[in-house]
Every structure is written in C-alpha cells, then in structure tokens.
Amino acid sequence: MGKIIDTIIGDLNEKKAYRQNEQRAKALPTEYAEAYKNIRNYIFSTSGILSMEPLRVLVDMFEQAAAEGKRVIEITGPDVAAFADELVRGEKSYHEQQGKKLNKKLNNKQQ
C-alpha cells in the first residue's frame, strides 16, 4: 500500500523535508533568499534531479555565508549557472531515469 501512495503522491517524508528546507531558505537574508530561489528554479528547469540534497547543501552554504557576512557572489563565483551545474553534478536525474527505462524496454523487446 505504501508503494502505491508513494507512486501516486510521492514520498511524504521527502515532501516534508523539502518544505522545511524552503522555510529555511525563506528565513535567509534577502540577498541569499533571492539567490536561492533563482538557483533552485534554474536547477529544476535544467537538471531534472530526483533528490533535494543539492538544495539542502545550498541552504547550508548560504546560512554559513550569511553568518560570516559574505556576499552571495563570493560563494557562487561570477558564473552562477556553472556553480549550480556543479552543485547537481553526479545526482540522479529524471532524464537519466527515463533513459534507463527506454533502454531496458527496447533491449527487452530485442531478446
């Protein structure tokens, strides 16, 4: 039954963790909160990641930087897109998952 619920509505624990992470991001100083929102949107639109771990790491980094009085650009560098791409490098993605499904489906038909 749990697997059916996860399939239909997703992992509830993951959703709860995501909401908590979003609350942490909203509590950041304005510069960091805006940067987080823009980087998150970029990651969602380009990477297809299946885990929210890179977003947790990003909030952790921004919380620490804010506490140290650093500017966002000191953390990300001038190429923010490259920073975001590096943040998700090695993460499993929806695109990768779909590619594996396609390969499996077509390879099974050939046998």
PDB file of N, CA and C in Angstrom:
ATOM      1  N   MET A   1       0.821  -1.196   0.000  1.00  0.00           N
ATOM      2  CA  MET A   1       0.000   0.000   0.000  1.00  0.00           C
ATOM      3  C   MET A   1       0.863   1.257   0.000  1.00  0.00           C
ATOM      4  N   GLY A   2       1.933   1.258   0.808  1.00  0.00           N
ATOM      5  CA  GLY A   2       2.822   2.408   0.889  1.00  0.00           C
ATOM      6  C   GLY A   2       3.462   2.741  -0.440  1.00  0.00           C
ATOM      7  N   LYS A   3       3.787   1.693  -1.196  1.00  0.00           N
ATOM      8  CA  LYS A   3       4.410   1.910  -2.507  1.00  0.00           C
ATOM      9  C   LYS A   3       3.418   2.569  -3.463  1.00  0.00           C
ATOM     10  N   ILE A   4       2.159   2.202  -3.373  1.00  0.00           N
ATOM     11  CA  ILE A   4       1.116   2.813  -4.210  1.00  0.00           C
ATOM     12  C   ILE A   4       0.982   4.291  -3.864  1.00  0.00           C
ATOM     13  N   ILE A   5       0.957   4.600  -2.573  1.00  0.00           N
ATOM     14  CA  ILE A   5       0.843   6.002  -2.144  1.00  0.00           C
ATOM     15  C   ILE A   5       2.052   6.796  -2.622  1.00  0.00           C
ATOM     16  N   ASP A   6       3.267   6.221  -2.470  1.00  0.00           N
ATOM     17  CA  ASP A   6       4.465   6.913  -2.948  1.00  0.00           C
ATOM     18  C   ASP A   6       4.402   7.165  -4.447  1.00  0.00           C
ATOM     19  N   THR A   7       3.875   6.204  -5.187  1.00  0.00           N
ATOM     20  CA  THR A   7       3.764   6.363  -6.630  1.00  0.00           C
ATOM     21  C   THR A   7       2.773   7.457  -6.988  1.00  0.00           C
ATOM     22  N   ILE A   8       1.662   7.516  -6.296  1.00  0.00           N
ATOM     23  CA  ILE A   8       0.608   8.485  -6.621  1.00  0.00           C
ATOM     24  C   ILE A   8       0.960   9.890  -6.136  1.00  0.00           C
ATOM     25  N   ILE A   9       1.345  10.014  -4.871  1.00  0.00           N
ATOM     26  CA  ILE A   9       1.556  11.357  -4.330  1.00  0.00           C
ATOM     27  C   ILE A   9       2.998  11.638  -3.954  1.00  0.00           C
ATOM     28  N   GLY A  10       3.881  10.672  -4.052  1.00  0.00           N
ATOM     29  CA  GLY A  10       5.280  10.885  -3.733  1.00  0.00           C
ATOM     30  C   GLY A  10       5.587  10.553  -2.285  1.00  0.00           C
ATOM     31  N   ASP A  11       6.864  10.553  -1.991  1.00  0.00           N
ATOM     32  CA  ASP A  11       7.343  10.244  -0.652  1.00  0.00           C
ATOM     33  C   ASP A  11       7.000  11.407   0.275  1.00  0.00           C
ATOM     34  N   LEU A  12       6.168  11.157   1.273  1.00  0.00           N
ATOM     35  CA  LEU A  12       5.713  12.208   2.175  1.00  0.00           C
ATOM     36  C   LEU A  12       6.855  12.778   3.019  1.00  0.00           C
ATOM     37  N   ASN A  13       7.796  11.935   3.418  1.00  0.00           N
ATOM     38  CA  ASN A  13       8.933  12.419   4.191  1.00  0.00           C
ATOM     39  C   ASN A  13       9.796  13.366   3.360  1.00  0.00           C
ATOM     40  N   GLU A  14       9.970  13.034   2.096  1.00  0.00           N
ATOM     41  CA  GLU A  14      10.745  13.892   1.194  1.00  0.00           C
ATOM     42  C   GLU A  14      10.040  15.232   1.001  1.00  0.00           C
ATOM     43  N   LYS A  15       8.727  15.203   0.880  1.00  0.00           N
ATOM     44  CA  LYS A  15       7.970  16.446   0.734  1.00  0.00           C
ATOM     45  C   LYS A  15       8.071  17.306   1.993  1.00  0.00           C
ATOM     46  N   LYS A  16       8.017  16.665   3.148  1.00  0.00           N
ATOM     47  CA  LYS A  16       8.136  17.390   4.407  1.00  0.00           C
ATOM     48  C   LYS A  16       9.526  18.026   4.516  1.00  0.00           C
ATOM     49  N   ALA A  17      10.549  17.270   4.165  1.00  0.00           N
ATOM     50  CA  ALA A  17      11.920  17.789   4.204  1.00  0.00           C
ATOM     51  C   ALA A  17      12.082  18.948   3.225  1.00  0.00           C
ATOM     52  N   TYR A  18      11.454  18.843   2.063  1.00  0.00           N
ATOM     53  CA  TYR A  18      11.515  19.923   1.075  1.00  0.00           C
ATOM     54  C   TYR A  18      10.871  21.189   1.640  1.00  0.00           C
ATOM     55  N   ARG A  19       9.708  21.056   2.239  1.00  0.00           N
ATOM     56  CA  ARG A  19       9.024  22.227   2.812  1.00  0.00           C
ATOM     57  C   ARG A  19       9.856  22.864   3.925  1.00  0.00           C
ATOM     58  N   GLN A  20      10.469  22.038   4.740  1.00  0.00           N
ATOM     59  CA  GLN A  20      11.326  22.561   5.815  1.00  0.00           C
ATOM     60  C   GLN A  20      12.526  23.309   5.232  1.00  0.00           C
ATOM     61  N   ASN A  21      13.104  22.756   4.182  1.00  0.00           N
ATOM     62  CA  ASN A  21      14.241  23.407   3.536  1.00  0.00           C
ATOM     63  C   ASN A  21      13.821  24.744   2.922  1.00  0.00           C
ATOM     64  N   GLU A  22      12.632  24.774   2.331  1.00  0.00           N
ATOM     65  CA  GLU A  22      12.126  26.021   1.754  1.00  0.00           C
ATOM     66  C   GLU A  22      11.903  27.078   2.838  1.00  0.00           C
ATOM     67  N   GLN A  23      11.452  26.661   4.007  1.00  0.00           N
ATOM     68  CA  GLN A  23      11.278  27.596   5.122  1.00  0.00           C
ATOM     69  C   GLN A  23      12.635  28.146   5.577  1.00  0.00           C
ATOM     70  N   ARG A  24      13.629  27.292   5.623  1.00  0.00           N
ATOM     71  CA  ARG A  24      14.977  27.744   5.966  1.00  0.00           C
ATOM     72  C   ARG A  24      15.466  28.763   4.943  1.00  0.00           C
ATOM     73  N   ALA A  25      15.203  28.501   3.671  1.00  0.00           N
ATOM     74  CA  ALA A  25      15.634  29.415   2.602  1.00  0.00           C
ATOM     75  C   ALA A  25      14.929  30.763   2.728  1.00  0.00           C
ATOM     76  N   LYS A  26      13.643  30.740   3.039  1.00  0.00           N
ATOM     77  CA  LYS A  26      12.893  31.990   3.193  1.00  0.00           C
ATOM     78  C   LYS A  26      13.384  32.811   4.377  1.00  0.00           C
ATOM     79  N   ALA A  27      13.947  32.152   5.379  1.00  0.00           N
ATOM     80  CA  ALA A  27      14.443  32.849   6.566  1.00  0.00           C
ATOM     81  C   ALA A  27      15.817  33.485   6.345  1.00  0.00           C
ATOM     82  N   LEU A  28      16.439  33.181   5.213  1.00  0.00           N
ATOM     83  CA  LEU A  28      17.741  33.771   4.907  1.00  0.00           C
ATOM     84  C   LEU A  28      17.599  35.271   4.660  1.00  0.00           C
ATOM     85  N   PRO A  29      18.681  36.031   4.835  1.00  0.00           N
ATOM     86  CA  PRO A  29      18.637  37.442   4.437  1.00  0.00           C
ATOM     87  C   PRO A  29      18.232  37.558   2.958  1.00  0.00           C
ATOM     88  N   THR A  30      17.650  38.679   2.599  1.00  0.00           N
ATOM     89  CA  THR A  30      17.053  38.869   1.271  1.00  0.00           C
ATOM     90  C   THR A  30      17.970  38.461   0.124  1.00  0.00           C
ATOM     91  N   GLU A  31      19.219  38.903   0.157  1.00  0.00           N
ATOM     92  CA  GLU A  31      20.156  38.587  -0.931  1.00  0.00           C
ATOM     93  C   GLU A  31      20.269  37.076  -1.140  1.00  0.00           C
ATOM     94  N   TYR A  32      20.370  36.343  -0.041  1.00  0.00           N
ATOM     95  CA  TYR A  32      20.527  34.889  -0.112  1.00  0.00           C
ATOM     96  C   TYR A  32      19.223  34.201  -0.498  1.00  0.00           C
ATOM     97  N   ALA A  33      18.118  34.676   0.051  1.00  0.00           N
ATOM     98  CA  ALA A  33      16.819  34.080  -0.267  1.00  0.00           C
ATOM     99  C   ALA A  33      16.513  34.223  -1.753  1.00  0.00           C
ATOM    100  N   GLU A  34      16.790  35.396  -2.310  1.00  0.00           N
ATOM    101  CA  GLU A  34      16.562  35.619  -3.749  1.00  0.00           C
ATOM    102  C   GLU A  34      17.492  34.749  -4.589  1.00  0.00           C
ATOM    103  N   ALA A  35      18.740  34.673  -4.188  1.00  0.00           N
ATOM    104  CA  ALA A  35      19.702  33.842  -4.919  1.00  0.00           C
ATOM    105  C   ALA A  35      19.282  32.378  -4.866  1.00  0.00           C
ATOM    106  N   TYR A  36      18.871  31.917  -3.688  1.00  0.00           N
ATOM    107  CA  TYR A  36      18.417  30.529  -3.550  1.00  0.00           C
ATOM    108  C   TYR A  36      17.257  30.253  -4.497  1.00  0.00           C
ATOM    109  N   LYS A  37      16.279  31.139  -4.496  1.00  0.00           N
ATOM    110  CA  LYS A  37      15.094  30.958  -5.336  1.00  0.00           C
ATOM    111  C   LYS A  37      15.482  30.872  -6.814  1.00  0.00           C
ATOM    112  N   ASN A  38      16.368  31.750  -7.255  1.00  0.00           N
ATOM    113  CA  ASN A  38      16.783  31.748  -8.659  1.00  0.00           C
ATOM    114  C   ASN A  38      17.604  30.518  -9.007  1.00  0.00           C
ATOM    115  N   ILE A  39      18.502  30.129  -8.124  1.00  0.00           N
ATOM    116  CA  ILE A  39      19.314  28.928  -8.375  1.00  0.00           C
ATOM    117  C   ILE A  39      18.435  27.689  -8.351  1.00  0.00           C
ATOM    118  N   ARG A  40      17.505  27.612  -7.388  1.00  0.00           N
ATOM    119  CA  ARG A  40      16.573  26.476  -7.320  1.00  0.00           C
ATOM    120  C   ARG A  40      15.778  26.370  -8.616  1.00  0.00           C
ATOM    121  N   ASN A  41      15.254  27.467  -9.102  1.00  0.00           N
ATOM    122  CA  ASN A  41      14.480  27.453 -10.344  1.00  0.00           C
ATOM    123  C   ASN A  41      15.335  27.011 -11.528  1.00  0.00           C
ATOM    124  N   TYR A  42      16.564  27.477 -11.572  1.00  0.00           N
ATOM    125  CA  TYR A  42      17.485  27.063 -12.636  1.00  0.00           C
ATOM    126  C   TYR A  42      17.729  25.559 -12.563  1.00  0.00           C
ATOM    127  N   ILE A  43      18.003  25.063 -11.353  1.00  0.00           N
ATOM    128  CA  ILE A  43      18.262  23.631 -11.181  1.00  0.00           C
ATOM    129  C   ILE A  43      17.044  22.810 -11.602  1.00  0.00           C
ATOM    130  N   PHE A  44      15.865  23.230 -11.188  1.00  0.00           N
ATOM    131  CA  PHE A  44      14.655  22.498 -11.564  1.00  0.00           C
ATOM    132  C   PHE A  44      14.433  22.503 -13.069  1.00  0.00           C
ATOM    133  N   SER A  45      14.736  23.600 -13.724  1.00  0.00           N
ATOM    134  CA  SER A  45      14.454  23.688 -15.163  1.00  0.00           C
ATOM    135  C   SER A  45      15.533  23.049 -16.030  1.00  0.00           C
ATOM    136  N   THR A  46      16.722  22.808 -15.475  1.00  0.00           N
ATOM    137  CA  THR A  46      17.796  22.278 -16.316  1.00  0.00           C
ATOM    138  C   THR A  46      18.292  20.897 -15.954  1.00  0.00           C
ATOM    139  N   SER A  47      18.155  20.485 -14.687  1.00  0.00           N
ATOM    140  CA  SER A  47      18.841  19.260 -14.273  1.00  0.00           C
ATOM    141  C   SER A  47      17.956  18.029 -14.182  1.00  0.00           C
ATOM    142  N   GLY A  48      16.709  18.190 -13.794  1.00  0.00           N
ATOM    143  CA  GLY A  48      15.837  17.032 -13.605  1.00  0.00           C
ATOM    144  C   GLY A  48      16.242  16.174 -12.421  1.00  0.00           C
ATOM    145  N   ILE A  49      16.854  16.761 -11.397  1.00  0.00           N
ATOM    146  CA  ILE A  49      17.317  15.975 -10.248  1.00  0.00           C
ATOM    147  C   ILE A  49      16.153  15.300  -9.534  1.00  0.00           C
ATOM    148  N   LEU A  50      16.438  14.162  -8.944  1.00  0.00           N
ATOM    149  CA  LEU A  50      15.428  13.401  -8.207  1.00  0.00           C
ATOM    150  C   LEU A  50      15.573  13.576  -6.701  1.00  0.00           C
ATOM    151  N   SER A  51      16.677  14.121  -6.260  1.00  0.00           N
ATOM    152  CA  SER A  51      16.950  14.298  -4.837  1.00  0.00           C
ATOM    153  C   SER A  51      16.985  15.787  -4.521  1.00  0.00           C
ATOM    154  N   MET A  52      16.613  16.123  -3.304  1.00  0.00           N
ATOM    155  CA  MET A  52      16.692  17.524  -2.918  1.00  0.00           C
ATOM    156  C   MET A  52      17.974  17.829  -2.151  1.00  0.00           C
ATOM    157  N   GLU A  53      18.873  16.879  -2.085  1.00  0.00           N
ATOM    158  CA  GLU A  53      20.124  17.070  -1.355  1.00  0.00           C
ATOM    159  C   GLU A  53      20.898  18.305  -1.824  1.00  0.00           C
ATOM    160  N   PRO A  54      21.021  18.565  -3.127  1.00  0.00           N
ATOM    161  CA  PRO A  54      21.737  19.785  -3.537  1.00  0.00           C
ATOM    162  C   PRO A  54      21.083  21.066  -2.994  1.00  0.00           C
ATOM    163  N   LEU A  55      19.762  21.075  -2.849  1.00  0.00           N
ATOM    164  CA  LEU A  55      19.090  22.255  -2.302  1.00  0.00           C
ATOM    165  C   LEU A  55      19.373  22.410  -0.816  1.00  0.00           C
ATOM    166  N   ARG A  56      19.466  21.307  -0.100  1.00  0.00           N
ATOM    167  CA  ARG A  56      19.847  21.363   1.319  1.00  0.00           C
ATOM    168  C   ARG A  56      21.259  21.913   1.466  1.00  0.00           C
ATOM    169  N   VAL A  57      22.150  21.409   0.627  1.00  0.00           N
ATOM    170  CA  VAL A  57      23.543  21.863   0.659  1.00  0.00           C
ATOM    171  C   VAL A  57      23.607  23.362   0.361  1.00  0.00           C
ATOM    172  N   LEU A  58      22.824  23.807  -0.597  1.00  0.00           N
ATOM    173  CA  LEU A  58      22.808  25.225  -0.959  1.00  0.00           C
ATOM    174  C   LEU A  58      22.352  26.091   0.213  1.00  0.00           C
ATOM    175  N   VAL A  59      21.287  25.686   0.897  1.00  0.00           N
ATOM    176  CA  VAL A  59      20.813  26.446   2.053  1.00  0.00           C
ATOM    177  C   VAL A  59      21.871  26.436   3.157  1.00  0.00           C
ATOM    178  N   ASP A  60      22.497  25.287   3.382  1.00  0.00           N
ATOM    179  CA  ASP A  60      23.569  25.212   4.386  1.00  0.00           C
ATOM    180  C   ASP A  60      24.682  26.204   4.056  1.00  0.00           C
ATOM    181  N   MET A  61      25.097  26.223   2.795  1.00  0.00           N
ATOM    182  CA  MET A  61      26.167  27.125   2.370  1.00  0.00           C
ATOM    183  C   MET A  61      25.760  28.582   2.556  1.00  0.00           C
ATOM    184  N   PHE A  62      24.531  28.910   2.189  1.00  0.00           N
ATOM    185  CA  PHE A  62      24.073  30.288   2.309  1.00  0.00           C
ATOM    186  C   PHE A  62      23.902  30.709   3.769  1.00  0.00           C
ATOM    187  N   GLU A  63      23.442  29.797   4.607  1.00  0.00           N
ATOM    188  CA  GLU A  63      23.336  30.118   6.040  1.00  0.00           C
ATOM    189  C   GLU A  63      24.722  30.430   6.623  1.00  0.00           C
ATOM    190  N   GLN A  64      25.693  29.619   6.285  1.00  0.00           N
ATOM    191  CA  GLN A  64      27.044  29.830   6.781  1.00  0.00           C
ATOM    192  C   GLN A  64      27.622  31.133   6.231  1.00  0.00           C
ATOM    193  N   ALA A  65      27.437  31.376   4.945  1.00  0.00           N
ATOM    194  CA  ALA A  65      27.954  32.601   4.332  1.00  0.00           C
ATOM    195  C   ALA A  65      27.318  33.841   4.952  1.00  0.00           C
ATOM    196  N   ALA A  66      26.021  33.783   5.205  1.00  0.00           N
ATOM    197  CA  ALA A  66      25.331  34.910   5.827  1.00  0.00           C
ATOM    198  C   ALA A  66      25.886  35.162   7.225  1.00  0.00           C
ATOM    199  N   ALA A  67      26.142  34.089   7.967  1.00  0.00           N
ATOM    200  CA  ALA A  67      26.690  34.228   9.316  1.00  0.00           C
ATOM    201  C   ALA A  67      28.090  34.836   9.290  1.00  0.00           C
ATOM    202  N   GLU A  68      28.826  34.576   8.212  1.00  0.00           N
ATOM    203  CA  GLU A  68      30.187  35.102   8.069  1.00  0.00           C
ATOM    204  C   GLU A  68      30.212  36.467   7.390  1.00  0.00           C
ATOM    205  N   GLY A  69      29.041  36.940   6.956  1.00  0.00           N
ATOM    206  CA  GLY A  69      28.959  38.249   6.321  1.00  0.00           C
ATOM    207  C   GLY A  69      29.473  38.283   4.884  1.00  0.00           C
ATOM    208  N   LYS A  70      29.486  37.135   4.222  1.00  0.00           N
ATOM    209  CA  LYS A  70      29.938  37.073   2.831  1.00  0.00           C
ATOM    210  C   LYS A  70      28.783  37.391   1.892  1.00  0.00           C
ATOM    211  N   ARG A  71      29.105  37.879   0.735  1.00  0.00           N
ATOM    212  CA  ARG A  71      28.095  38.131  -0.303  1.00  0.00           C
ATOM    213  C   ARG A  71      27.856  36.833  -1.074  1.00  0.00           C
ATOM    214  N   VAL A  72      26.705  36.735  -1.707  1.00  0.00           N
ATOM    215  CA  VAL A  72      26.350  35.533  -2.477  1.00  0.00           C
ATOM    216  C   VAL A  72      27.399  35.247  -3.539  1.00  0.00           C
ATOM    217  N   ILE A  73      27.812  36.264  -4.266  1.00  0.00           N
ATOM    218  CA  ILE A  73      28.744  36.081  -5.375  1.00  0.00           C
ATOM    219  C   ILE A  73      30.096  35.536  -4.904  1.00  0.00           C
ATOM    220  N   GLU A  74      30.429  35.765  -3.622  1.00  0.00           N
ATOM    221  CA  GLU A  74      31.657  35.193  -3.074  1.00  0.00           C
ATOM    222  C   GLU A  74      31.547  33.679  -2.936  1.00  0.00           C
ATOM    223  N   ILE A  75      30.341  33.196  -2.801  1.00  0.00           N
ATOM    224  CA  ILE A  75      30.095  31.753  -2.682  1.00  0.00           C
ATOM    225  C   ILE A  75      29.967  31.109  -4.058  1.00  0.00           C
ATOM    226  N   THR A  76      29.186  31.733  -4.922  1.00  0.00           N
ATOM    227  CA  THR A  76      28.875  31.138  -6.222  1.00  0.00           C
ATOM    228  C   THR A  76      29.931  31.423  -7.274  1.00  0.00           C
ATOM    229  N   GLY A  77      30.640  32.525  -7.128  1.00  0.00           N
ATOM    230  CA  GLY A  77      31.515  32.984  -8.202  1.00  0.00           C
ATOM    231  C   GLY A  77      30.667  33.696  -9.242  1.00  0.00           C
ATOM    232  N   PRO A  78      31.313  34.324 -10.237  1.00  0.00           N
ATOM    233  CA  PRO A  78      30.559  35.112 -11.211  1.00  0.00           C
ATOM    234  C   PRO A  78      29.695  34.275 -12.159  1.00  0.00           C
ATOM    235  N   ASP A  79      30.064  33.013 -12.388  1.00  0.00           N
ATOM    236  CA  ASP A  79      29.260  32.135 -13.259  1.00  0.00           C
ATOM    237  C   ASP A  79      28.345  31.294 -12.373  1.00  0.00           C
ATOM    238  N   VAL A  80      27.217  31.881 -12.022  1.00  0.00           N
ATOM    239  CA  VAL A  80      26.285  31.231 -11.088  1.00  0.00           C
ATOM    240  C   VAL A  80      25.709  29.955 -11.698  1.00  0.00           C
ATOM    241  N   ALA A  81      25.476  29.948 -13.001  1.00  0.00           N
ATOM    242  CA  ALA A  81      24.946  28.744 -13.661  1.00  0.00           C
ATOM    243  C   ALA A  81      25.942  27.590 -13.539  1.00  0.00           C
ATOM    244  N   ALA A  82      27.223  27.862 -13.736  1.00  0.00           N
ATOM    245  CA  ALA A  82      28.245  26.814 -13.598  1.00  0.00           C
ATOM    246  C   ALA A  82      28.286  26.315 -12.152  1.00  0.00           C
ATOM    247  N   PHE A  83      28.131  27.233 -11.195  1.00  0.00           N
ATOM    248  CA  PHE A  83      28.070  26.846  -9.786  1.00  0.00           C
ATOM    249  C   PHE A  83      26.903  25.889  -9.560  1.00  0.00           C
ATOM    250  N   ALA A  84      25.737  26.231 -10.087  1.00  0.00           N
ATOM    251  CA  ALA A  84      24.540  25.395  -9.914  1.00  0.00           C
ATOM    252  C   ALA A  84      24.722  24.042 -10.596  1.00  0.00           C
ATOM    253  N   ASP A  85      25.314  24.058 -11.788  1.00  0.00           N
ATOM    254  CA  ASP A  85      25.557  22.800 -12.504  1.00  0.00           C
ATOM    255  C   ASP A  85      26.482  21.896 -11.699  1.00  0.00           C
ATOM    256  N   GLU A  86      27.496  22.482 -11.093  1.00  0.00           N
ATOM    257  CA  GLU A  86      28.439  21.705 -10.284  1.00  0.00           C
ATOM    258  C   GLU A  86      27.757  21.158  -9.033  1.00  0.00           C
ATOM    259  N   LEU A  87      26.830  21.930  -8.489  1.00  0.00           N
ATOM    260  CA  LEU A  87      26.102  21.524  -7.295  1.00  0.00           C
ATOM    261  C   LEU A  87      25.313  20.226  -7.533  1.00  0.00           C
ATOM    262  N   VAL A  88      24.806  20.030  -8.730  1.00  0.00           N
ATOM    263  CA  VAL A  88      23.989  18.847  -9.024  1.00  0.00           C
ATOM    264  C   VAL A  88      24.753  17.758  -9.778  1.00  0.00           C
ATOM    265  N   ARG A  89      26.018  18.022 -10.081  1.00  0.00           N
ATOM    266  CA  ARG A  89      26.812  17.016 -10.809  1.00  0.00           C
ATOM    267  C   ARG A  89      26.823  15.710 -10.025  1.00  0.00           C
ATOM    268  N   GLY A  90      26.569  14.619 -10.711  1.00  0.00           N
ATOM    269  CA  GLY A  90      26.584  13.301 -10.084  1.00  0.00           C
ATOM    270  C   GLY A  90      25.264  12.877  -9.453  1.00  0.00           C
ATOM    271  N   GLU A  91      24.305  13.794  -9.375  1.00  0.00           N
ATOM    272  CA  GLU A  91      22.983  13.443  -8.820  1.00  0.00           C
ATOM    273  C   GLU A  91      22.184  12.654  -9.847  1.00  0.00           C
ATOM    274  N   LYS A  92      21.392  11.724  -9.379  1.00  0.00           N
ATOM    275  CA  LYS A  92      20.489  11.009 -10.283  1.00  0.00           C
ATOM    276  C   LYS A  92      19.457  11.999 -10.807  1.00  0.00           C
ATOM    277  N   SER A  93      19.092  11.813 -12.065  1.00  0.00           N
ATOM    278  CA  SER A  93      18.147  12.747 -12.663  1.00  0.00           C
ATOM    279  C   SER A  93      16.977  12.010 -13.298  1.00  0.00           C
ATOM    280  N   TYR A  94      15.917  12.756 -13.484  1.00  0.00           N
ATOM    281  CA  TYR A  94      14.732  12.244 -14.160  1.00  0.00           C
ATOM    282  C   TYR A  94      15.094  11.833 -15.587  1.00  0.00           C
ATOM    283  N   HIS A  95      15.931  12.625 -16.249  1.00  0.00           N
ATOM    284  CA  HIS A  95      16.331  12.328 -17.625  1.00  0.00           C
ATOM    285  C   HIS A  95      17.089  11.007 -17.690  1.00  0.00           C
ATOM    286  N   GLU A  96      17.986  10.815 -16.742  1.00  0.00           N
ATOM    287  CA  GLU A  96      18.755   9.574 -16.673  1.00  0.00           C
ATOM    288  C   GLU A  96      17.818   8.390 -16.412  1.00  0.00           C
ATOM    289  N   GLN A  97      16.878   8.568 -15.487  1.00  0.00           N
ATOM    290  CA  GLN A  97      15.915   7.521 -15.145  1.00  0.00           C
ATOM    291  C   GLN A  97      15.081   7.134 -16.365  1.00  0.00           C
ATOM    292  N   GLN A  98      14.613   8.126 -17.102  1.00  0.00           N
ATOM    293  CA  GLN A  98      13.799   7.849 -18.282  1.00  0.00           C
ATOM    294  C   GLN A  98      14.626   7.172 -19.374  1.00  0.00           C
ATOM    295  N   GLY A  99      15.892   7.573 -19.498  1.00  0.00           N
ATOM    296  CA  GLY A  99      16.772   6.934 -20.475  1.00  0.00           C
ATOM    297  C   GLY A  99      16.975   5.460 -20.166  1.00  0.00           C
ATOM    298  N   LYS A 100      17.153   5.143 -18.887  1.00  0.00           N
ATOM    299  CA  LYS A 100      17.322   3.749 -18.485  1.00  0.00           C
ATOM    300  C   LYS A 100      16.060   2.943 -18.774  1.00  0.00           C
ATOM    301  N   LYS A 101      14.896   3.540 -18.510  1.00  0.00           N
ATOM    302  CA  LYS A 101      13.631   2.851 -18.788  1.00  0.00           C
ATOM    303  C   LYS A 101      13.491   2.552 -20.276  1.00  0.00           C
ATOM    304  N   LEU A 102      13.818   3.538 -21.104  1.00  0.00           N
ATOM    305  CA  LEU A 102      13.731   3.353 -22.552  1.00  0.00           C
ATOM    306  C   LEU A 102      14.676   2.260 -23.018  1.00  0.00           C
ATOM    307  N   ASN A 103      15.913   2.308 -22.555  1.00  0.00           N
ATOM    308  CA  ASN A 103      16.888   1.288 -22.939  1.00  0.00           C
ATOM    309  C   ASN A 103      16.432  -0.103 -22.516  1.00  0.00           C
ATOM    310  N   LYS A 104      15.955  -0.224 -21.302  1.00  0.00           N
ATOM    311  CA  LYS A 104      15.501  -1.514 -20.799  1.00  0.00           C
ATOM    312  C   LYS A 104      14.326  -2.029 -21.627  1.00  0.00           C
ATOM    313  N   LYS A 105      13.384  -1.156 -21.901  1.00  0.00           N
ATOM    314  CA  LYS A 105      12.187  -1.549 -22.652  1.00  0.00           C
ATOM    315  C   LYS A 105      12.559  -2.039 -24.052  1.00  0.00           C
ATOM    316  N   LEU A 106      13.381  -1.276 -24.748  1.00  0.00           N
ATOM    317  CA  LEU A 106      13.735  -1.667 -26.105  1.00  0.00           C
ATOM    318  C   LEU A 106      14.689  -2.839 -26.160  1.00  0.00           C
ATOM    319  N   ASN A 107      15.594  -2.928 -25.185  1.00  0.00           N
ATOM    320  CA  ASN A 107      16.512  -4.068 -25.160  1.00  0.00           C
ATOM    321  C   ASN A 107      15.771  -5.354 -24.849  1.00  0.00           C
ATOM    322  N   ASN A 108      14.749  -5.304 -23.998  1.00  0.00           N
ATOM    323  CA  ASN A 108      13.954  -6.486 -23.679  1.00  0.00           C
ATOM    324  C   ASN A 108      13.155  -6.950 -24.882  1.00  0.00           C
ATOM    325  N   LYS A 109      12.738  -6.043 -25.753  1.00  0.00           N
ATOM    326  CA  LYS A 109      11.982  -6.426 -26.953  1.00  0.00           C
ATOM    327  C   LYS A 109      12.876  -7.117 -27.974  1.00  0.00           C
ATOM    328  N   GLN A 110      14.168  -6.837 -27.934  1.00  0.00           N
ATOM    329  CA  GLN A 110      15.108  -7.426 -28.883  1.00  0.00           C
ATOM    330  C   GLN A 110      15.472  -8.862 -28.520  1.00  0.00           C
ATOM    331  N   GLN A 111      15.132  -9.273 -27.311  1.00  0.00           N
ATOM    332  CA  GLN A 111      15.532 -10.622 -26.881  1.00  0.00           C
ATOM    333  C   GLN A 111      14.452 -11.617 -27.159  1.00  0.00           C
TER     334      GLN A 111
END
